[in-house]
Amino acid sequence: MSGTNKSTTGHLASGARFAAIGFALTRRLERPWLADRFAFPTRKDLDSKLIGGAALYHVIDRRLHKVVVHHIPCSRKQG
């Protein structure tokens, strides 16, 4: 992740670990706590809407990153 500071990268990594642990624990339950059954996705194929949405998200995210992140003054001292 070029262009990001270490604290942002650390938060993303922590969030990914937390989500992975939660997902692993959820898969071990026989049934969810607040529902009758799990509703995991069953489709495994890719369609044009999925690929197009991912590509559009990537383009918009890159443009917003250039506009927002590079124009925010940093209040902390670098170094």
PDB file of N, CA and C in Angstrom:
ATOM      1  N   MET A   1       0.834  -1.177   0.000  1.00  0.00           N
ATOM      2  CA  MET A   1       0.000   0.000   0.000  1.00  0.00           C
ATOM      3  C   MET A   1       0.875   1.236   0.000  1.00  0.00           C
ATOM      4  N   SER A   2       1.283   1.665  -1.133  1.00  0.00           N
ATOM      5  CA  SER A   2       2.137   2.842  -1.179  1.00  0.00           C
ATOM      6  C   SER A   2       1.304   4.086  -0.926  1.00  0.00           C
ATOM      7  N   GLY A   3       1.898   5.052  -0.253  1.00  0.00           N
ATOM      8  CA  GLY A   3       1.203   6.304  -0.007  1.00  0.00           C
ATOM      9  C   GLY A   3       0.394   6.344   1.268  1.00  0.00           C
ATOM     10  N   THR A   4       0.341   5.268   2.016  1.00  0.00           N
ATOM     11  CA  THR A   4      -0.415   5.272   3.264  1.00  0.00           C
ATOM     12  C   THR A   4       0.555   5.304   4.433  1.00  0.00           C
ATOM     13  N   ASN A   5       0.100   5.839   5.539  1.00  0.00           N
ATOM     14  CA  ASN A   5       0.986   5.835   6.701  1.00  0.00           C
ATOM     15  C   ASN A   5       0.853   4.511   7.455  1.00  0.00           C
ATOM     16  N   LYS A   6       1.773   4.283   8.388  1.00  0.00           N
ATOM     17  CA  LYS A   6       1.821   2.991   9.072  1.00  0.00           C
ATOM     18  C   LYS A   6       0.602   2.726   9.941  1.00  0.00           C
ATOM     19  N   SER A   7       0.035   3.779  10.543  1.00  0.00           N
ATOM     20  CA  SER A   7      -1.120   3.550  11.409  1.00  0.00           C
ATOM     21  C   SER A   7      -2.341   3.105  10.610  1.00  0.00           C
ATOM     22  N   THR A   8      -2.522   3.640   9.416  1.00  0.00           N
ATOM     23  CA  THR A   8      -3.643   3.233   8.570  1.00  0.00           C
ATOM     24  C   THR A   8      -3.481   1.773   8.153  1.00  0.00           C
ATOM     25  N   THR A   9      -2.287   1.409   7.757  1.00  0.00           N
ATOM     26  CA  THR A   9      -2.023   0.033   7.354  1.00  0.00           C
ATOM     27  C   THR A   9      -2.234  -0.918   8.535  1.00  0.00           C
ATOM     28  N   GLY A  10      -1.813  -0.509   9.726  1.00  0.00           N
ATOM     29  CA  GLY A  10      -2.009  -1.330  10.917  1.00  0.00           C
ATOM     30  C   GLY A  10      -3.476  -1.514  11.245  1.00  0.00           C
ATOM     31  N   HIS A  11      -4.271  -0.444  11.091  1.00  0.00           N
ATOM     32  CA  HIS A  11      -5.705  -0.563  11.350  1.00  0.00           C
ATOM     33  C   HIS A  11      -6.359  -1.507  10.351  1.00  0.00           C
ATOM     34  N   LEU A  12      -5.957  -1.428   9.089  1.00  0.00           N
ATOM     35  CA  LEU A  12      -6.522  -2.321   8.082  1.00  0.00           C
ATOM     36  C   LEU A  12      -6.166  -3.773   8.380  1.00  0.00           C
ATOM     37  N   ALA A  13      -4.924  -4.010   8.759  1.00  0.00           N
ATOM     38  CA  ALA A  13      -4.503  -5.374   9.075  1.00  0.00           C
ATOM     39  C   ALA A  13      -5.247  -5.904  10.301  1.00  0.00           C
ATOM     40  N   SER A  14      -5.427  -5.062  11.312  1.00  0.00           N
ATOM     41  CA  SER A  14      -6.174  -5.481  12.509  1.00  0.00           C
ATOM     42  C   SER A  14      -7.617  -5.808  12.162  1.00  0.00           C
ATOM     43  N   GLY A  15      -8.229  -4.984  11.341  1.00  0.00           N
ATOM     44  CA  GLY A  15      -9.611  -5.225  10.924  1.00  0.00           C
ATOM     45  C   GLY A  15      -9.753  -6.508  10.133  1.00  0.00           C
ATOM     46  N   ALA A  16      -8.786  -6.781   9.255  1.00  0.00           N
ATOM     47  CA  ALA A  16      -8.822  -8.012   8.462  1.00  0.00           C
ATOM     48  C   ALA A  16      -8.680  -9.235   9.355  1.00  0.00           C
ATOM     49  N   ARG A  17      -7.786  -9.157  10.341  1.00  0.00           N
ATOM     50  CA  ARG A  17      -7.625 -10.285  11.277  1.00  0.00           C
ATOM     51  C   ARG A  17      -8.908 -10.514  12.078  1.00  0.00           C
ATOM     52  N   PHE A  18      -9.487  -9.435  12.567  1.00  0.00           N
ATOM     53  CA  PHE A  18     -10.717  -9.527  13.357  1.00  0.00           C
ATOM     54  C   PHE A  18     -11.839 -10.153  12.529  1.00  0.00           C
ATOM     55  N   ALA A  19     -11.985  -9.720  11.278  1.00  0.00           N
ATOM     56  CA  ALA A  19     -13.028 -10.268  10.410  1.00  0.00           C
ATOM     57  C   ALA A  19     -12.782 -11.742  10.107  1.00  0.00           C
ATOM     58  N   ALA A  20     -11.526 -12.115   9.865  1.00  0.00           N
ATOM     59  CA  ALA A  20     -11.206 -13.512   9.564  1.00  0.00           C
ATOM     60  C   ALA A  20     -11.505 -14.417  10.757  1.00  0.00           C
ATOM     61  N   ILE A  21     -11.164 -13.959  11.947  1.00  0.00           N
ATOM     62  CA  ILE A  21     -11.446 -14.746  13.152  1.00  0.00           C
ATOM     63  C   ILE A  21     -12.956 -14.887  13.345  1.00  0.00           C
ATOM     64  N   GLY A  22     -13.688 -13.792  13.183  1.00  0.00           N
ATOM     65  CA  GLY A  22     -15.144 -13.836  13.319  1.00  0.00           C
ATOM     66  C   GLY A  22     -15.790 -14.759  12.302  1.00  0.00           C
ATOM     67  N   PHE A  23     -15.300 -14.718  11.065  1.00  0.00           N
ATOM     68  CA  PHE A  23     -15.855 -15.584  10.024  1.00  0.00           C
ATOM     69  C   PHE A  23     -15.573 -17.044  10.344  1.00  0.00           C
ATOM     70  N   ALA A  24     -14.355 -17.341  10.803  1.00  0.00           N
ATOM     71  CA  ALA A  24     -14.004 -18.730  11.149  1.00  0.00           C
ATOM     72  C   ALA A  24     -14.864 -19.246  12.303  1.00  0.00           C
ATOM     73  N   LEU A  25     -15.084 -18.411  13.308  1.00  0.00           N
ATOM     74  CA  LEU A  25     -15.922 -18.828  14.440  1.00  0.00           C
ATOM     75  C   LEU A  25     -17.379 -19.003  14.027  1.00  0.00           C
ATOM     76  N   THR A  26     -17.848 -18.149  13.145  1.00  0.00           N
ATOM     77  CA  THR A  26     -19.234 -18.232  12.674  1.00  0.00           C
ATOM     78  C   THR A  26     -19.479 -19.533  11.922  1.00  0.00           C
ATOM     79  N   ARG A  27     -18.509 -19.941  11.121  1.00  0.00           N
ATOM     80  CA  ARG A  27     -18.672 -21.177  10.351  1.00  0.00           C
ATOM     81  C   ARG A  27     -18.741 -22.408  11.250  1.00  0.00           C
ATOM     82  N   ARG A  28     -18.264 -22.331  12.485  1.00  0.00           N
ATOM     83  CA  ARG A  28     -18.286 -23.488  13.400  1.00  0.00           C
ATOM     84  C   ARG A  28     -19.617 -23.619  14.143  1.00  0.00           C
ATOM     85  N   LEU A  29     -20.423 -22.572  14.156  1.00  0.00           N
ATOM     86  CA  LEU A  29     -21.705 -22.634  14.854  1.00  0.00           C
ATOM     87  C   LEU A  29     -22.687 -23.518  14.087  1.00  0.00           C
ATOM     88  N   GLU A  30     -23.545 -24.194  14.810  1.00  0.00           N
ATOM     89  CA  GLU A  30     -24.572 -25.006  14.155  1.00  0.00           C
ATOM     90  C   GLU A  30     -25.668 -24.137  13.563  1.00  0.00           C
ATOM     91  N   ARG A  31     -26.018 -23.068  14.263  1.00  0.00           N
ATOM     92  CA  ARG A  31     -27.007 -22.107  13.761  1.00  0.00           C
ATOM     93  C   ARG A  31     -26.685 -20.741  14.349  1.00  0.00           C
ATOM     94  N   PRO A  32     -27.101 -19.678  13.667  1.00  0.00           N
ATOM     95  CA  PRO A  32     -26.815 -18.336  14.187  1.00  0.00           C
ATOM     96  C   PRO A  32     -27.598 -18.050  15.463  1.00  0.00           C
ATOM     97  N   TRP A  33     -27.123 -17.085  16.226  1.00  0.00           N
ATOM     98  CA  TRP A  33     -27.773 -16.744  17.486  1.00  0.00           C
ATOM     99  C   TRP A  33     -29.141 -16.108  17.287  1.00  0.00           C
ATOM    100  N   LEU A  34     -29.301 -15.301  16.263  1.00  0.00           N
ATOM    101  CA  LEU A  34     -30.533 -14.523  16.108  1.00  0.00           C
ATOM    102  C   LEU A  34     -31.337 -14.884  14.858  1.00  0.00           C
ATOM    103  N   ALA A  35     -31.083 -16.036  14.291  1.00  0.00           N
ATOM    104  CA  ALA A  35     -31.836 -16.450  13.099  1.00  0.00           C
ATOM    105  C   ALA A  35     -32.012 -17.962  13.113  1.00  0.00           C
ATOM    106  N   ASP A  36     -32.860 -18.448  12.225  1.00  0.00           N
ATOM    107  CA  ASP A  36     -33.115 -19.887  12.158  1.00  0.00           C
ATOM    108  C   ASP A  36     -32.012 -20.643  11.415  1.00  0.00           C
ATOM    109  N   ARG A  37     -31.414 -19.979  10.413  1.00  0.00           N
ATOM    110  CA  ARG A  37     -30.369 -20.628   9.628  1.00  0.00           C
ATOM    111  C   ARG A  37     -29.414 -19.576   9.094  1.00  0.00           C
ATOM    112  N   PHE A  38     -28.246 -20.032   8.631  1.00  0.00           N
ATOM    113  CA  PHE A  38     -27.275 -19.138   8.021  1.00  0.00           C
ATOM    114  C   PHE A  38     -27.691 -18.820   6.593  1.00  0.00           C
ATOM    115  N   ALA A  39     -27.292 -17.677   6.109  1.00  0.00           N
ATOM    116  CA  ALA A  39     -27.583 -17.283   4.732  1.00  0.00           C
ATOM    117  C   ALA A  39     -26.265 -16.972   4.015  1.00  0.00           C
ATOM    118  N   PHE A  40     -25.405 -17.981   3.860  1.00  0.00           N
ATOM    119  CA  PHE A  40     -24.143 -17.810   3.146  1.00  0.00           C
ATOM    120  C   PHE A  40     -24.412 -17.817   1.648  1.00  0.00           C
ATOM    121  N   PRO A  41     -23.647 -17.056   0.873  1.00  0.00           N
ATOM    122  CA  PRO A  41     -23.833 -17.084  -0.582  1.00  0.00           C
ATOM    123  C   PRO A  41     -23.457 -18.446  -1.155  1.00  0.00           C
ATOM    124  N   THR A  42     -24.201 -18.870  -2.152  1.00  0.00           N
ATOM    125  CA  THR A  42     -23.946 -20.183  -2.752  1.00  0.00           C
ATOM    126  C   THR A  42     -23.392 -20.084  -4.167  1.00  0.00           C
ATOM    127  N   ARG A  43     -23.567 -18.946  -4.824  1.00  0.00           N
ATOM    128  CA  ARG A  43     -23.067 -18.794  -6.193  1.00  0.00           C
ATOM    129  C   ARG A  43     -21.549 -18.742  -6.201  1.00  0.00           C
ATOM    130  N   LYS A  44     -20.958 -19.371  -7.179  1.00  0.00           N
ATOM    131  CA  LYS A  44     -19.500 -19.390  -7.295  1.00  0.00           C
ATOM    132  C   LYS A  44     -19.025 -18.803  -8.624  1.00  0.00           C
ATOM    133  N   ASP A  45     -19.943 -18.443  -9.506  1.00  0.00           N
ATOM    134  CA  ASP A  45     -19.543 -17.923 -10.806  1.00  0.00           C
ATOM    135  C   ASP A  45     -19.407 -16.397 -10.778  1.00  0.00           C
ATOM    136  N   LEU A  46     -18.736 -15.867 -11.756  1.00  0.00           N
ATOM    137  CA  LEU A  46     -18.578 -14.421 -11.909  1.00  0.00           C
ATOM    138  C   LEU A  46     -19.455 -13.963 -13.067  1.00  0.00           C
ATOM    139  N   ASP A  47     -20.140 -12.852 -12.878  1.00  0.00           N
ATOM    140  CA  ASP A  47     -20.921 -12.309 -13.977  1.00  0.00           C
ATOM    141  C   ASP A  47     -20.440 -10.898 -14.284  1.00  0.00           C
ATOM    142  N   SER A  48     -20.960 -10.324 -15.357  1.00  0.00           N
ATOM    143  CA  SER A  48     -20.484  -9.016 -15.814  1.00  0.00           C
ATOM    144  C   SER A  48     -20.796  -7.907 -14.811  1.00  0.00           C
ATOM    145  N   LYS A  49     -21.898  -7.995 -14.084  1.00  0.00           N
ATOM    146  CA  LYS A  49     -22.233  -6.971 -13.091  1.00  0.00           C
ATOM    147  C   LYS A  49     -21.217  -6.964 -11.945  1.00  0.00           C
ATOM    148  N   LEU A  50     -20.803  -8.144 -11.522  1.00  0.00           N
ATOM    149  CA  LEU A  50     -19.820  -8.248 -10.444  1.00  0.00           C
ATOM    150  C   LEU A  50     -18.464  -7.690 -10.874  1.00  0.00           C
ATOM    151  N   ILE A  51     -18.007  -8.076 -12.045  1.00  0.00           N
ATOM    152  CA  ILE A  51     -16.712  -7.611 -12.543  1.00  0.00           C
ATOM    153  C   ILE A  51     -16.761  -6.122 -12.842  1.00  0.00           C
ATOM    154  N   GLY A  52     -17.843  -5.653 -13.449  1.00  0.00           N
ATOM    155  CA  GLY A  52     -17.988  -4.224 -13.749  1.00  0.00           C
ATOM    156  C   GLY A  52     -18.049  -3.378 -12.489  1.00  0.00           C
ATOM    157  N   GLY A  53     -18.750  -3.857 -11.473  1.00  0.00           N
ATOM    158  CA  GLY A  53     -18.826  -3.124 -10.206  1.00  0.00           C
ATOM    159  C   GLY A  53     -17.485  -3.043  -9.520  1.00  0.00           C
ATOM    160  N   ALA A  54     -16.731  -4.128  -9.548  1.00  0.00           N
ATOM    161  CA  ALA A  54     -15.396  -4.121  -8.943  1.00  0.00           C
ATOM    162  C   ALA A  54     -14.466  -3.173  -9.688  1.00  0.00           C
ATOM    163  N   ALA A  55     -14.528  -3.170 -11.004  1.00  0.00           N
ATOM    164  CA  ALA A  55     -13.686  -2.267 -11.796  1.00  0.00           C
ATOM    165  C   ALA A  55     -14.069  -0.813 -11.548  1.00  0.00           C
ATOM    166  N   LEU A  56     -15.355  -0.524 -11.492  1.00  0.00           N
ATOM    167  CA  LEU A  56     -15.815   0.837 -11.231  1.00  0.00           C
ATOM    168  C   LEU A  56     -15.392   1.298  -9.839  1.00  0.00           C
ATOM    169  N   TYR A  57     -15.515   0.438  -8.863  1.00  0.00           N
ATOM    170  CA  TYR A  57     -15.079   0.772  -7.511  1.00  0.00           C
ATOM    171  C   TYR A  57     -13.583   1.085  -7.492  1.00  0.00           C
ATOM    172  N   HIS A  58     -12.787   0.282  -8.178  1.00  0.00           N
ATOM    173  CA  HIS A  58     -11.345   0.497  -8.212  1.00  0.00           C
ATOM    174  C   HIS A  58     -11.007   1.846  -8.831  1.00  0.00           C
ATOM    175  N   VAL A  59     -11.648   2.188  -9.944  1.00  0.00           N
ATOM    176  CA  VAL A  59     -11.373   3.473 -10.608  1.00  0.00           C
ATOM    177  C   VAL A  59     -11.765   4.630  -9.703  1.00  0.00           C
ATOM    178  N   ILE A  60     -12.944   4.578  -9.108  1.00  0.00           N
ATOM    179  CA  ILE A  60     -13.405   5.664  -8.242  1.00  0.00           C
ATOM    180  C   ILE A  60     -12.532   5.764  -6.998  1.00  0.00           C
ATOM    181  N   ASP A  61     -12.165   4.639  -6.415  1.00  0.00           N
ATOM    182  CA  ASP A  61     -11.330   4.648  -5.220  1.00  0.00           C
ATOM    183  C   ASP A  61      -9.965   5.263  -5.516  1.00  0.00           C
ATOM    184  N   ARG A  62      -9.369   4.926  -6.629  1.00  0.00           N
ATOM    185  CA  ARG A  62      -8.067   5.493  -7.002  1.00  0.00           C
ATOM    186  C   ARG A  62      -8.156   6.998  -7.211  1.00  0.00           C
ATOM    187  N   ARG A  63      -9.213   7.451  -7.883  1.00  0.00           N
ATOM    188  CA  ARG A  63      -9.360   8.893  -8.127  1.00  0.00           C
ATOM    189  C   ARG A  63      -9.600   9.646  -6.822  1.00  0.00           C
ATOM    190  N   LEU A  64     -10.432   9.102  -5.946  1.00  0.00           N
ATOM    191  CA  LEU A  64     -10.681   9.752  -4.661  1.00  0.00           C
ATOM    192  C   LEU A  64      -9.424   9.763  -3.804  1.00  0.00           C
ATOM    193  N   HIS A  65      -8.649   8.700  -3.857  1.00  0.00           N
ATOM    194  CA  HIS A  65      -7.413   8.646  -3.081  1.00  0.00           C
ATOM    195  C   HIS A  65      -6.465   9.742  -3.523  1.00  0.00           C
ATOM    196  N   LYS A  66      -6.350   9.951  -4.832  1.00  0.00           N
ATOM    197  CA  LYS A  66      -5.464  11.011  -5.339  1.00  0.00           C
ATOM    198  C   LYS A  66      -5.961  12.385  -4.914  1.00  0.00           C
ATOM    199  N   VAL A  67      -7.262  12.611  -4.964  1.00  0.00           N
ATOM    200  CA  VAL A  67      -7.816  13.922  -4.645  1.00  0.00           C
ATOM    201  C   VAL A  67      -7.812  14.181  -3.145  1.00  0.00           C
ATOM    202  N   VAL A  68      -8.285  13.236  -2.355  1.00  0.00           N
ATOM    203  CA  VAL A  68      -8.476  13.462  -0.926  1.00  0.00           C
ATOM    204  C   VAL A  68      -7.189  13.307  -0.139  1.00  0.00           C
ATOM    205  N   VAL A  69      -6.510  12.191  -0.288  1.00  0.00           N
ATOM    206  CA  VAL A  69      -5.364  11.892   0.564  1.00  0.00           C
ATOM    207  C   VAL A  69      -4.198  12.826   0.295  1.00  0.00           C
ATOM    208  N   HIS A  70      -3.932  13.136  -0.935  1.00  0.00           N
ATOM    209  CA  HIS A  70      -2.771  13.947  -1.251  1.00  0.00           C
ATOM    210  C   HIS A  70      -2.989  15.435  -1.016  1.00  0.00           C
ATOM    211  N   HIS A  71      -4.200  15.845  -0.700  1.00  0.00           N
ATOM    212  CA  HIS A  71      -4.471  17.262  -0.474  1.00  0.00           C
ATOM    213  C   HIS A  71      -4.842  17.576   0.967  1.00  0.00           C
ATOM    214  N   ILE A  72      -4.755  16.601   1.851  1.00  0.00           N
ATOM    215  CA  ILE A  72      -5.040  16.831   3.264  1.00  0.00           C
ATOM    216  C   ILE A  72      -3.732  17.183   3.965  1.00  0.00           C
ATOM    217  N   PRO A  73      -3.646  18.363   4.591  1.00  0.00           N
ATOM    218  CA  PRO A  73      -2.408  18.692   5.286  1.00  0.00           C
ATOM    219  C   PRO A  73      -2.227  17.799   6.501  1.00  0.00           C
ATOM    220  N   CYS A  74      -1.021  17.388   6.728  1.00  0.00           N
ATOM    221  CA  CYS A  74      -0.709  16.515   7.855  1.00  0.00           C
ATOM    222  C   CYS A  74      -0.373  17.366   9.074  1.00  0.00           C
ATOM    223  N   SER A  75      -1.066  17.125  10.184  1.00  0.00           N
ATOM    224  CA  SER A  75      -0.829  17.924  11.384  1.00  0.00           C
ATOM    225  C   SER A  75       0.310  17.363  12.216  1.00  0.00           C
ATOM    226  N   ARG A  76       0.688  16.114  11.968  1.00  0.00           N
ATOM    227  CA  ARG A  76       1.792  15.504  12.707  1.00  0.00           C
ATOM    228  C   ARG A  76       3.119  15.783  12.013  1.00  0.00           C
ATOM    229  N   LYS A  77       4.181  15.781  12.780  1.00  0.00           N
ATOM    230  CA  LYS A  77       5.509  15.913  12.194  1.00  0.00           C
ATOM    231  C   LYS A  77       5.911  14.588  11.582  1.00  0.00           C
ATOM    232  N   GLN A  78       6.453  14.626  10.407  1.00  0.00           N
ATOM    233  CA  GLN A  78       6.921  13.419   9.749  1.00  0.00           C
ATOM    234  C   GLN A  78       8.324  13.105  10.244  1.00  0.00           C
ATOM    235  N   GLY A  79       8.600  11.839  10.411  1.00  0.00           N
ATOM    236  CA  GLY A  79       9.958  11.487  10.754  1.00  0.00           C
ATOM    237  C   GLY A  79      10.025  10.584  11.845  1.00  0.00           C
TER     238      GLY A  79
END
